[in-house]
PDB file of N, CA and C in Angstrom:
ATOM      1  N   MET A   1     132.340 159.917  87.555  1.00  0.00           N
ATOM      2  CA  MET A   1     133.594 160.574  87.805  1.00  0.00           C
ATOM      3  C   MET A   1     134.681 159.526  88.045  1.00  0.00           C
ATOM      4  N   GLN A   2     135.802 159.701  87.376  1.00  0.00           N
ATOM      5  CA  GLN A   2     136.884 158.740  87.495  1.00  0.00           C
ATOM      6  C   GLN A   2     137.742 159.048  88.718  1.00  0.00           C
ATOM      7  N   ARG A   3     138.096 158.009  89.438  1.00  0.00           N
ATOM      8  CA  ARG A   3     138.878 158.151  90.660  1.00  0.00           C
ATOM      9  C   ARG A   3     140.367 158.190  90.332  1.00  0.00           C
ATOM     10  N   ILE A   4     141.114 159.017  91.031  1.00  0.00           N
ATOM     11  CA  ILE A   4     142.554 159.116  90.827  1.00  0.00           C
ATOM     12  C   ILE A   4     143.230 157.965  91.560  1.00  0.00           C
ATOM     13  N   ARG A   5     144.120 157.287  90.854  1.00  0.00           N
ATOM     14  CA  ARG A   5     144.833 156.167  91.455  1.00  0.00           C
ATOM     15  C   ARG A   5     146.010 156.666  92.289  1.00  0.00           C
ATOM     16  N   PRO A   6     146.403 155.909  93.291  1.00  0.00           N
ATOM     17  CA  PRO A   6     147.511 156.341  94.162  1.00  0.00           C
ATOM     18  C   PRO A   6     148.822 156.583  93.414  1.00  0.00           C
ATOM     19  N   ILE A   7     149.110 155.787  92.385  1.00  0.00           N
ATOM     20  CA  ILE A   7     150.367 155.989  91.655  1.00  0.00           C
ATOM     21  C   ILE A   7     150.362 157.344  90.952  1.00  0.00           C
ATOM     22  N   GLU A   8     149.210 157.798  90.495  1.00  0.00           N
ATOM     23  CA  GLU A   8     149.119 159.112  89.862  1.00  0.00           C
ATOM     24  C   GLU A   8     149.362 160.224  90.879  1.00  0.00           C
ATOM     25  N   ILE A   9     148.860 160.048  92.075  1.00  0.00           N
ATOM     26  CA  ILE A   9     149.097 161.020  93.141  1.00  0.00           C
ATOM     27  C   ILE A   9     150.584 161.087  93.461  1.00  0.00           C
ATOM     28  N   LEU A  10     151.212 159.925  93.610  1.00  0.00           N
ATOM     29  CA  LEU A  10     152.638 159.884  93.939  1.00  0.00           C
ATOM     30  C   LEU A  10     153.477 160.532  92.836  1.00  0.00           C
ATOM     31  N   LEU A  11     153.213 160.184  91.600  1.00  0.00           N
ATOM     32  CA  LEU A  11     153.994 160.753  90.499  1.00  0.00           C
ATOM     33  C   LEU A  11     153.815 162.263  90.397  1.00  0.00           C
ATOM     34  N   THR A  12     152.604 162.743  90.612  1.00  0.00           N
ATOM     35  CA  THR A  12     152.354 164.183  90.577  1.00  0.00           C
ATOM     36  C   THR A  12     153.132 164.896  91.670  1.00  0.00           C
ATOM     37  N   GLU A  13     153.093 164.360  92.869  1.00  0.00           N
ATOM     38  CA  GLU A  13     153.825 164.970  93.976  1.00  0.00           C
ATOM     39  C   GLU A  13     155.332 164.937  93.734  1.00  0.00           C
ATOM     40  N   VAL A  14     155.836 163.831  93.232  1.00  0.00           N
ATOM     41  CA  VAL A  14     157.276 163.716  92.979  1.00  0.00           C
ATOM     42  C   VAL A  14     157.701 164.718  91.912  1.00  0.00           C
ATOM     43  N   VAL A  15     156.907 164.883  90.863  1.00  0.00           N
ATOM     44  CA  VAL A  15     157.244 165.853  89.813  1.00  0.00           C
ATOM     45  C   VAL A  15     157.261 167.268  90.383  1.00  0.00           C
ATOM     46  N   ILE A  16     156.287 167.605  91.209  1.00  0.00           N
ATOM     47  CA  ILE A  16     156.252 168.947  91.817  1.00  0.00           C
ATOM     48  C   ILE A  16     157.480 169.166  92.693  1.00  0.00           C
ATOM     49  N   TYR A  17     157.819 168.187  93.515  1.00  0.00           N
ATOM     50  CA  TYR A  17     159.005 168.318  94.362  1.00  0.00           C
ATOM     51  C   TYR A  17     160.281 168.393  93.529  1.00  0.00           C
ATOM     52  N   LEU A  18     160.367 167.621  92.443  1.00  0.00           N
ATOM     53  CA  LEU A  18     161.561 167.664  91.596  1.00  0.00           C
ATOM     54  C   LEU A  18     161.726 169.025  90.923  1.00  0.00           C
ATOM     55  N   ILE A  19     160.618 169.637  90.523  1.00  0.00           N
ATOM     56  CA  ILE A  19     160.692 170.983  89.940  1.00  0.00           C
ATOM     57  C   ILE A  19     161.268 171.954  90.959  1.00  0.00           C
ATOM     58  N   ILE A  20     160.818 171.839  92.202  1.00  0.00           N
ATOM     59  CA  ILE A  20     161.359 172.707  93.258  1.00  0.00           C
ATOM     60  C   ILE A  20     162.825 172.397  93.496  1.00  0.00           C
ATOM     61  N   TRP A  21     163.207 171.105  93.484  1.00  0.00           N
ATOM     62  CA  TRP A  21     164.605 170.723  93.700  1.00  0.00           C
ATOM     63  C   TRP A  21     165.499 171.299  92.605  1.00  0.00           C
ATOM     64  N   VAL A  22     165.032 171.260  91.363  1.00  0.00           N
ATOM     65  CA  VAL A  22     165.839 171.788  90.259  1.00  0.00           C
ATOM     66  C   VAL A  22     165.952 173.306  90.348  1.00  0.00           C
ATOM     67  N   ALA A  23     164.884 173.970  90.752  1.00  0.00           N
ATOM     68  CA  ALA A  23     164.891 175.427  90.837  1.00  0.00           C
ATOM     69  C   ALA A  23     165.822 175.925  91.942  1.00  0.00           C
ATOM     70  N   ASN A  24     165.709 175.330  93.133  1.00  0.00           N
ATOM     71  CA  ASN A  24     166.515 175.798  94.265  1.00  0.00           C
ATOM     72  C   ASN A  24     166.615 174.648  95.264  1.00  0.00           C
ATOM     73  N   ASP A  25     167.773 174.010  95.310  1.00  0.00           N
ATOM     74  CA  ASP A  25     167.885 172.816  96.149  1.00  0.00           C
ATOM     75  C   ASP A  25     167.858 173.119  97.645  1.00  0.00           C
ATOM     76  N   TYR A  26     168.314 174.294  98.060  1.00  0.00           N
ATOM     77  CA  TYR A  26     168.244 174.642  99.482  1.00  0.00           C
ATOM     78  C   TYR A  26     166.788 174.799  99.923  1.00  0.00           C
ATOM     79  N   MET A  27     166.009 175.562  99.142  1.00  0.00           N
ATOM     80  CA  MET A  27     164.599 175.752  99.469  1.00  0.00           C
ATOM     81  C   MET A  27     163.852 174.414  99.406  1.00  0.00           C
ATOM     82  N   ALA A  28     164.207 173.584  98.429  1.00  0.00           N
ATOM     83  CA  ALA A  28     163.558 172.283  98.298  1.00  0.00           C
ATOM     84  C   ALA A  28     163.850 171.384  99.497  1.00  0.00           C
ATOM     85  N   ALA A  29     165.089 171.443  99.991  1.00  0.00           N
ATOM     86  CA  ALA A  29     165.432 170.632 101.157  1.00  0.00           C
ATOM     87  C   ALA A  29     164.603 171.063 102.368  1.00  0.00           C
ATOM     88  N   MET A  30     164.483 172.370 102.558  1.00  0.00           N
ATOM     89  CA  MET A  30     163.698 172.870 103.689  1.00  0.00           C
ATOM     90  C   MET A  30     162.213 172.534 103.536  1.00  0.00           C
ATOM     91  N   LEU A  31     161.655 172.749 102.335  1.00  0.00           N
ATOM     92  CA  LEU A  31     160.238 172.447 102.111  1.00  0.00           C
ATOM     93  C   LEU A  31     159.959 170.954 102.235  1.00  0.00           C
ATOM     94  N   SER A  32     160.881 170.133 101.752  1.00  0.00           N
ATOM     95  CA  SER A  32     160.691 168.684 101.857  1.00  0.00           C
ATOM     96  C   SER A  32     160.678 168.239 103.313  1.00  0.00           C
ATOM     97  N   LEU A  33     161.576 168.795 104.110  1.00  0.00           N
ATOM     98  CA  LEU A  33     161.591 168.450 105.534  1.00  0.00           C
ATOM     99  C   LEU A  33     160.324 168.941 106.240  1.00  0.00           C
ATOM    100  N   ILE A  34     159.917 170.161 105.926  1.00  0.00           N
ATOM    101  CA  ILE A  34     158.747 170.729 106.595  1.00  0.00           C
ATOM    102  C   ILE A  34     157.478 169.993 106.192  1.00  0.00           C
ATOM    103  N   PHE A  35     157.237 169.882 104.870  1.00  0.00           N
ATOM    104  CA  PHE A  35     156.000 169.235 104.414  1.00  0.00           C
ATOM    105  C   PHE A  35     155.973 167.753 104.753  1.00  0.00           C
ATOM    106  N   GLY A  36     157.107 167.079 104.594  1.00  0.00           N
ATOM    107  CA  GLY A  36     157.160 165.663 104.956  1.00  0.00           C
ATOM    108  C   GLY A  36     156.885 165.444 106.430  1.00  0.00           C
ATOM    109  N   GLY A  37     157.451 166.316 107.276  1.00  0.00           N
ATOM    110  CA  GLY A  37     157.211 166.221 108.721  1.00  0.00           C
ATOM    111  C   GLY A  37     155.768 166.500 109.101  1.00  0.00           C
ATOM    112  N   ILE A  38     155.194 167.513 108.471  1.00  0.00           N
ATOM    113  CA  ILE A  38     153.789 167.843 108.760  1.00  0.00           C
ATOM    114  C   ILE A  38     152.878 166.694 108.356  1.00  0.00           C
ATOM    115  N   PHE A  39     153.088 166.171 107.141  1.00  0.00           N
ATOM    116  CA  PHE A  39     152.249 165.048 106.693  1.00  0.00           C
ATOM    117  C   PHE A  39     152.434 163.823 107.582  1.00  0.00           C
ATOM    118  N   LEU A  40     153.660 163.582 108.049  1.00  0.00           N
ATOM    119  CA  LEU A  40     153.909 162.442 108.928  1.00  0.00           C
ATOM    120  C   LEU A  40     153.195 162.610 110.265  1.00  0.00           C
ATOM    121  N   LEU A  41     153.259 163.803 110.842  1.00  0.00           N
ATOM    122  CA  LEU A  41     152.576 164.037 112.118  1.00  0.00           C
ATOM    123  C   LEU A  41     151.057 163.927 111.978  1.00  0.00           C
ATOM    124  N   ILE A  42     150.511 164.456 110.893  1.00  0.00           N
ATOM    125  CA  ILE A  42     149.062 164.335 110.666  1.00  0.00           C
ATOM    126  C   ILE A  42     148.682 162.874 110.486  1.00  0.00           C
ATOM    127  N   LEU A  43     149.491 162.123 109.748  1.00  0.00           N
ATOM    128  CA  LEU A  43     149.214 160.701 109.543  1.00  0.00           C
ATOM    129  C   LEU A  43     149.262 159.936 110.854  1.00  0.00           C
ATOM    130  N   LEU A  44     150.282 160.180 111.660  1.00  0.00           N
ATOM    131  CA  LEU A  44     150.392 159.468 112.945  1.00  0.00           C
ATOM    132  C   LEU A  44     149.229 159.819 113.867  1.00  0.00           C
ATOM    133  N   ALA A  45     148.841 161.094 113.906  1.00  0.00           N
ATOM    134  CA  ALA A  45     147.694 161.487 114.729  1.00  0.00           C
ATOM    135  C   ALA A  45     146.416 160.813 114.221  1.00  0.00           C
ATOM    136  N   SER A  46     146.251 160.745 112.913  1.00  0.00           N
ATOM    137  CA  SER A  46     145.069 160.093 112.342  1.00  0.00           C
ATOM    138  C   SER A  46     145.038 158.608 112.665  1.00  0.00           C
ATOM    139  N   LEU A  47     146.201 157.962 112.591  1.00  0.00           N
ATOM    140  CA  LEU A  47     146.245 156.534 112.906  1.00  0.00           C
ATOM    141  C   LEU A  47     145.942 156.267 114.375  1.00  0.00           C
ATOM    142  N   VAL A  48     146.442 157.118 115.261  1.00  0.00           N
ATOM    143  CA  VAL A  48     146.149 156.956 116.693  1.00  0.00           C
ATOM    144  C   VAL A  48     144.661 157.145 116.939  1.00  0.00           C
ATOM    145  N   MET A  49     144.078 158.173 116.330  1.00  0.00           N
ATOM    146  CA  MET A  49     142.637 158.406 116.496  1.00  0.00           C
ATOM    147  C   MET A  49     141.822 157.267 115.910  1.00  0.00           C
ATOM    148  N   GLU A  50     142.299 156.691 114.841  1.00  0.00           N
ATOM    149  CA  GLU A  50     141.600 155.560 114.224  1.00  0.00           C
ATOM    150  C   GLU A  50     141.660 154.332 115.135  1.00  0.00           C
ATOM    151  N   LEU A  51     142.756 154.161 115.847  1.00  0.00           N
ATOM    152  CA  LEU A  51     142.850 153.044 116.786  1.00  0.00           C
ATOM    153  C   LEU A  51     141.936 153.250 117.990  1.00  0.00           C
ATOM    154  N   VAL A  52     141.817 154.497 118.433  1.00  0.00           N
ATOM    155  CA  VAL A  52     140.972 154.792 119.589  1.00  0.00           C
ATOM    156  C   VAL A  52     139.503 154.594 119.236  1.00  0.00           C
ATOM    157  N   GLU A  53     139.118 155.164 118.115  1.00  0.00           N
ATOM    158  CA  GLU A  53     137.713 155.071 117.708  1.00  0.00           C
ATOM    159  C   GLU A  53     137.652 154.996 116.193  1.00  0.00           C
ATOM    160  N   LYS A  54     137.012 153.943 115.697  1.00  0.00           N
ATOM    161  CA  LYS A  54     136.886 153.759 114.255  1.00  0.00           C
ATOM    162  C   LYS A  54     136.066 154.895 113.655  1.00  0.00           C
ATOM    163  N   SER A  55     136.514 155.366 112.510  1.00  0.00           N
ATOM    164  CA  SER A  55     135.791 156.431 111.824  1.00  0.00           C
ATOM    165  C   SER A  55     135.453 155.962 110.407  1.00  0.00           C
ATOM    166  N   LYS A  56     134.754 156.798 109.695  1.00  0.00           N
ATOM    167  CA  LYS A  56     134.368 156.455 108.333  1.00  0.00           C
ATOM    168  C   LYS A  56     135.278 157.130 107.318  1.00  0.00           C
ATOM    169  N   VAL A  57     136.523 157.366 107.720  1.00  0.00           N
ATOM    170  CA  VAL A  57     137.492 157.972 106.812  1.00  0.00           C
ATOM    171  C   VAL A  57     137.866 156.931 105.764  1.00  0.00           C
ATOM    172  N   PRO A  58     137.801 157.296 104.489  1.00  0.00           N
ATOM    173  CA  PRO A  58     138.130 156.312 103.453  1.00  0.00           C
ATOM    174  C   PRO A  58     139.606 155.924 103.480  1.00  0.00           C
ATOM    175  N   ARG A  59     139.874 154.743 102.993  1.00  0.00           N
ATOM    176  CA  ARG A  59     141.236 154.220 102.963  1.00  0.00           C
ATOM    177  C   ARG A  59     142.141 155.084 102.080  1.00  0.00           C
ATOM    178  N   LEU A  60     141.563 155.735 101.081  1.00  0.00           N
ATOM    179  CA  LEU A  60     142.336 156.585 100.186  1.00  0.00           C
ATOM    180  C   LEU A  60     143.019 157.724 100.941  1.00  0.00           C
ATOM    181  N   TYR A  61     142.418 158.200 102.030  1.00  0.00           N
ATOM    182  CA  TYR A  61     143.021 159.260 102.841  1.00  0.00           C
ATOM    183  C   TYR A  61     144.362 158.808 103.413  1.00  0.00           C
ATOM    184  N   PHE A  62     144.390 157.621 103.998  1.00  0.00           N
ATOM    185  CA  PHE A  62     145.624 157.108 104.597  1.00  0.00           C
ATOM    186  C   PHE A  62     146.671 156.814 103.522  1.00  0.00           C
ATOM    187  N   THR A  63     146.219 156.316 102.372  1.00  0.00           N
ATOM    188  CA  THR A  63     147.131 156.090 101.251  1.00  0.00           C
ATOM    189  C   THR A  63     147.739 157.405 100.788  1.00  0.00           C
ATOM    190  N   PHE A  64     146.904 158.433 100.646  1.00  0.00           N
ATOM    191  CA  PHE A  64     147.384 159.748 100.228  1.00  0.00           C
ATOM    192  C   PHE A  64     148.400 160.302 101.224  1.00  0.00           C
ATOM    193  N   MET A  65     148.143 160.137 102.510  1.00  0.00           N
ATOM    194  CA  MET A  65     149.059 160.652 103.518  1.00  0.00           C
ATOM    195  C   MET A  65     150.403 159.921 103.469  1.00  0.00           C
ATOM    196  N   TRP A  66     150.386 158.591 103.312  1.00  0.00           N
ATOM    197  CA  TRP A  66     151.642 157.847 103.202  1.00  0.00           C
ATOM    198  C   TRP A  66     152.423 158.301 101.976  1.00  0.00           C
ATOM    199  N   LEU A  67     151.731 158.482 100.860  1.00  0.00           N
ATOM    200  CA  LEU A  67     152.401 158.925  99.642  1.00  0.00           C
ATOM    201  C   LEU A  67     152.947 160.337  99.797  1.00  0.00           C
ATOM    202  N   SER A  68     152.248 161.178 100.546  1.00  0.00           N
ATOM    203  CA  SER A  68     152.721 162.544 100.775  1.00  0.00           C
ATOM    204  C   SER A  68     153.948 162.571 101.679  1.00  0.00           C
ATOM    205  N   VAL A  69     154.111 161.567 102.498  1.00  0.00           N
ATOM    206  CA  VAL A  69     155.321 161.456 103.313  1.00  0.00           C
ATOM    207  C   VAL A  69     156.477 160.921 102.461  1.00  0.00           C
ATOM    208  N   LEU A  70     156.183 159.994 101.564  1.00  0.00           N
ATOM    209  CA  LEU A  70     157.232 159.376 100.754  1.00  0.00           C
ATOM    210  C   LEU A  70     157.678 160.233  99.573  1.00  0.00           C
ATOM    211  N   ALA A  71     156.802 161.066  99.028  1.00  0.00           N
ATOM    212  CA  ALA A  71     157.116 161.833  97.818  1.00  0.00           C
ATOM    213  C   ALA A  71     158.350 162.724  97.959  1.00  0.00           C
ATOM    214  N   PRO A  72     158.499 163.515  99.039  1.00  0.00           N
ATOM    215  CA  PRO A  72     159.714 164.329  99.130  1.00  0.00           C
ATOM    216  C   PRO A  72     160.982 163.495  99.274  1.00  0.00           C
ATOM    217  N   VAL A  73     160.878 162.351  99.901  1.00  0.00           N
ATOM    218  CA  VAL A  73     162.044 161.476 100.054  1.00  0.00           C
ATOM    219  C   VAL A  73     162.458 160.909  98.689  1.00  0.00           C
ATOM    220  N   ILE A  74     161.477 160.470  97.915  1.00  0.00           N
ATOM    221  CA  ILE A  74     161.761 159.928  96.585  1.00  0.00           C
ATOM    222  C   ILE A  74     162.336 161.008  95.683  1.00  0.00           C
ATOM    223  N   ALA A  75     161.751 162.211  95.721  1.00  0.00           N
ATOM    224  CA  ALA A  75     162.240 163.311  94.892  1.00  0.00           C
ATOM    225  C   ALA A  75     163.672 163.688  95.273  1.00  0.00           C
ATOM    226  N   ALA A  76     163.970 163.723  96.562  1.00  0.00           N
ATOM    227  CA  ALA A  76     165.329 164.052  97.008  1.00  0.00           C
ATOM    228  C   ALA A  76     166.323 162.975  96.560  1.00  0.00           C
ATOM    229  N   MET A  77     165.943 161.721  96.657  1.00  0.00           N
ATOM    230  CA  MET A  77     166.828 160.646  96.213  1.00  0.00           C
ATOM    231  C   MET A  77     167.084 160.737  94.713  1.00  0.00           C
ATOM    232  N   LEU A  78     166.048 161.001  93.932  1.00  0.00           N
ATOM    233  CA  LEU A  78     166.228 161.159  92.492  1.00  0.00           C
ATOM    234  C   LEU A  78     167.136 162.341  92.172  1.00  0.00           C
ATOM    235  N   TYR A  79     166.958 163.447  92.882  1.00  0.00           N
ATOM    236  CA  TYR A  79     167.790 164.623  92.656  1.00  0.00           C
ATOM    237  C   TYR A  79     169.254 164.324  92.981  1.00  0.00           C
ATOM    238  N   PHE A  80     169.493 163.625  94.091  1.00  0.00           N
ATOM    239  CA  PHE A  80     170.868 163.284  94.452  1.00  0.00           C
ATOM    240  C   PHE A  80     171.497 162.333  93.443  1.00  0.00           C
ATOM    241  N   LEU A  81     170.704 161.396  92.917  1.00  0.00           N
ATOM    242  CA  LEU A  81     171.234 160.476  91.912  1.00  0.00           C
ATOM    243  C   LEU A  81     171.573 161.194  90.613  1.00  0.00           C
ATOM    244  N   ILE A  82     170.747 162.151  90.218  1.00  0.00           N
ATOM    245  CA  ILE A  82     170.970 162.877  88.971  1.00  0.00           C
ATOM    246  C   ILE A  82     172.103 163.881  89.118  1.00  0.00           C
ATOM    247  N   ASN A  83     172.110 164.651  90.202  1.00  0.00           N
ATOM    248  CA  ASN A  83     173.070 165.748  90.388  1.00  0.00           C
ATOM    249  C   ASN A  83     174.319 165.362  91.166  1.00  0.00           C
ATOM    250  N   ARG A  84     174.323 164.210  91.777  1.00  0.00           N
ATOM    251  CA  ARG A  84     175.437 163.758  92.614  1.00  0.00           C
ATOM    252  C   ARG A  84     175.735 164.714  93.755  1.00  0.00           C
ATOM    253  N   GLY A  85     174.689 165.155  94.425  1.00  0.00           N
ATOM    254  CA  GLY A  85     174.857 166.015  95.591  1.00  0.00           C
ATOM    255  C   GLY A  85     174.101 167.328  95.460  1.00  0.00           C
ATOM    256  N   MET A  86     174.336 168.198  96.458  1.00  0.00           N
ATOM    257  CA  MET A  86     173.692 169.512  96.459  1.00  0.00           C
ATOM    258  C   MET A  86     174.750 170.571  96.259  1.00  0.00           C
ATOM    259  N   GLU A  87     174.345 171.680  95.643  1.00  0.00           N
ATOM    260  CA  GLU A  87     175.282 172.765  95.350  1.00  0.00           C
ATOM    261  C   GLU A  87     175.662 173.560  96.593  1.00  0.00           C
ATOM    262  N   TRP A  88     174.776 173.712  97.533  1.00  0.00           N
ATOM    263  CA  TRP A  88     175.017 174.583  98.671  1.00  0.00           C
ATOM    264  C   TRP A  88     175.777 173.905  99.801  1.00  0.00           C
ATOM    265  N   MET A  89     176.019 172.621  99.707  1.00  0.00           N
ATOM    266  CA  MET A  89     176.745 171.928 100.778  1.00  0.00           C
ATOM    267  C   MET A  89     178.205 171.777 100.447  1.00  0.00           C
TER     268      MET A  89
END
């Protein structure tokens, strides 16, 4: 079985977020804030637990979580560069 590379995960997430941004930028802004915040809190909790007690969680998990935090930010920046702002603001 072939392993998915981190760049493929990031690009997939960015494309999904960009589709949402194009469809409805207000909903995309809210979802990006919510999902990005949730992934960030889960990542920080995981890192604290990893410092307290080492676990056998693969490194790919932490990479995936970092990419999941960065993907909505990258998608929002791309949307702002392409559209020069948001319609609802």
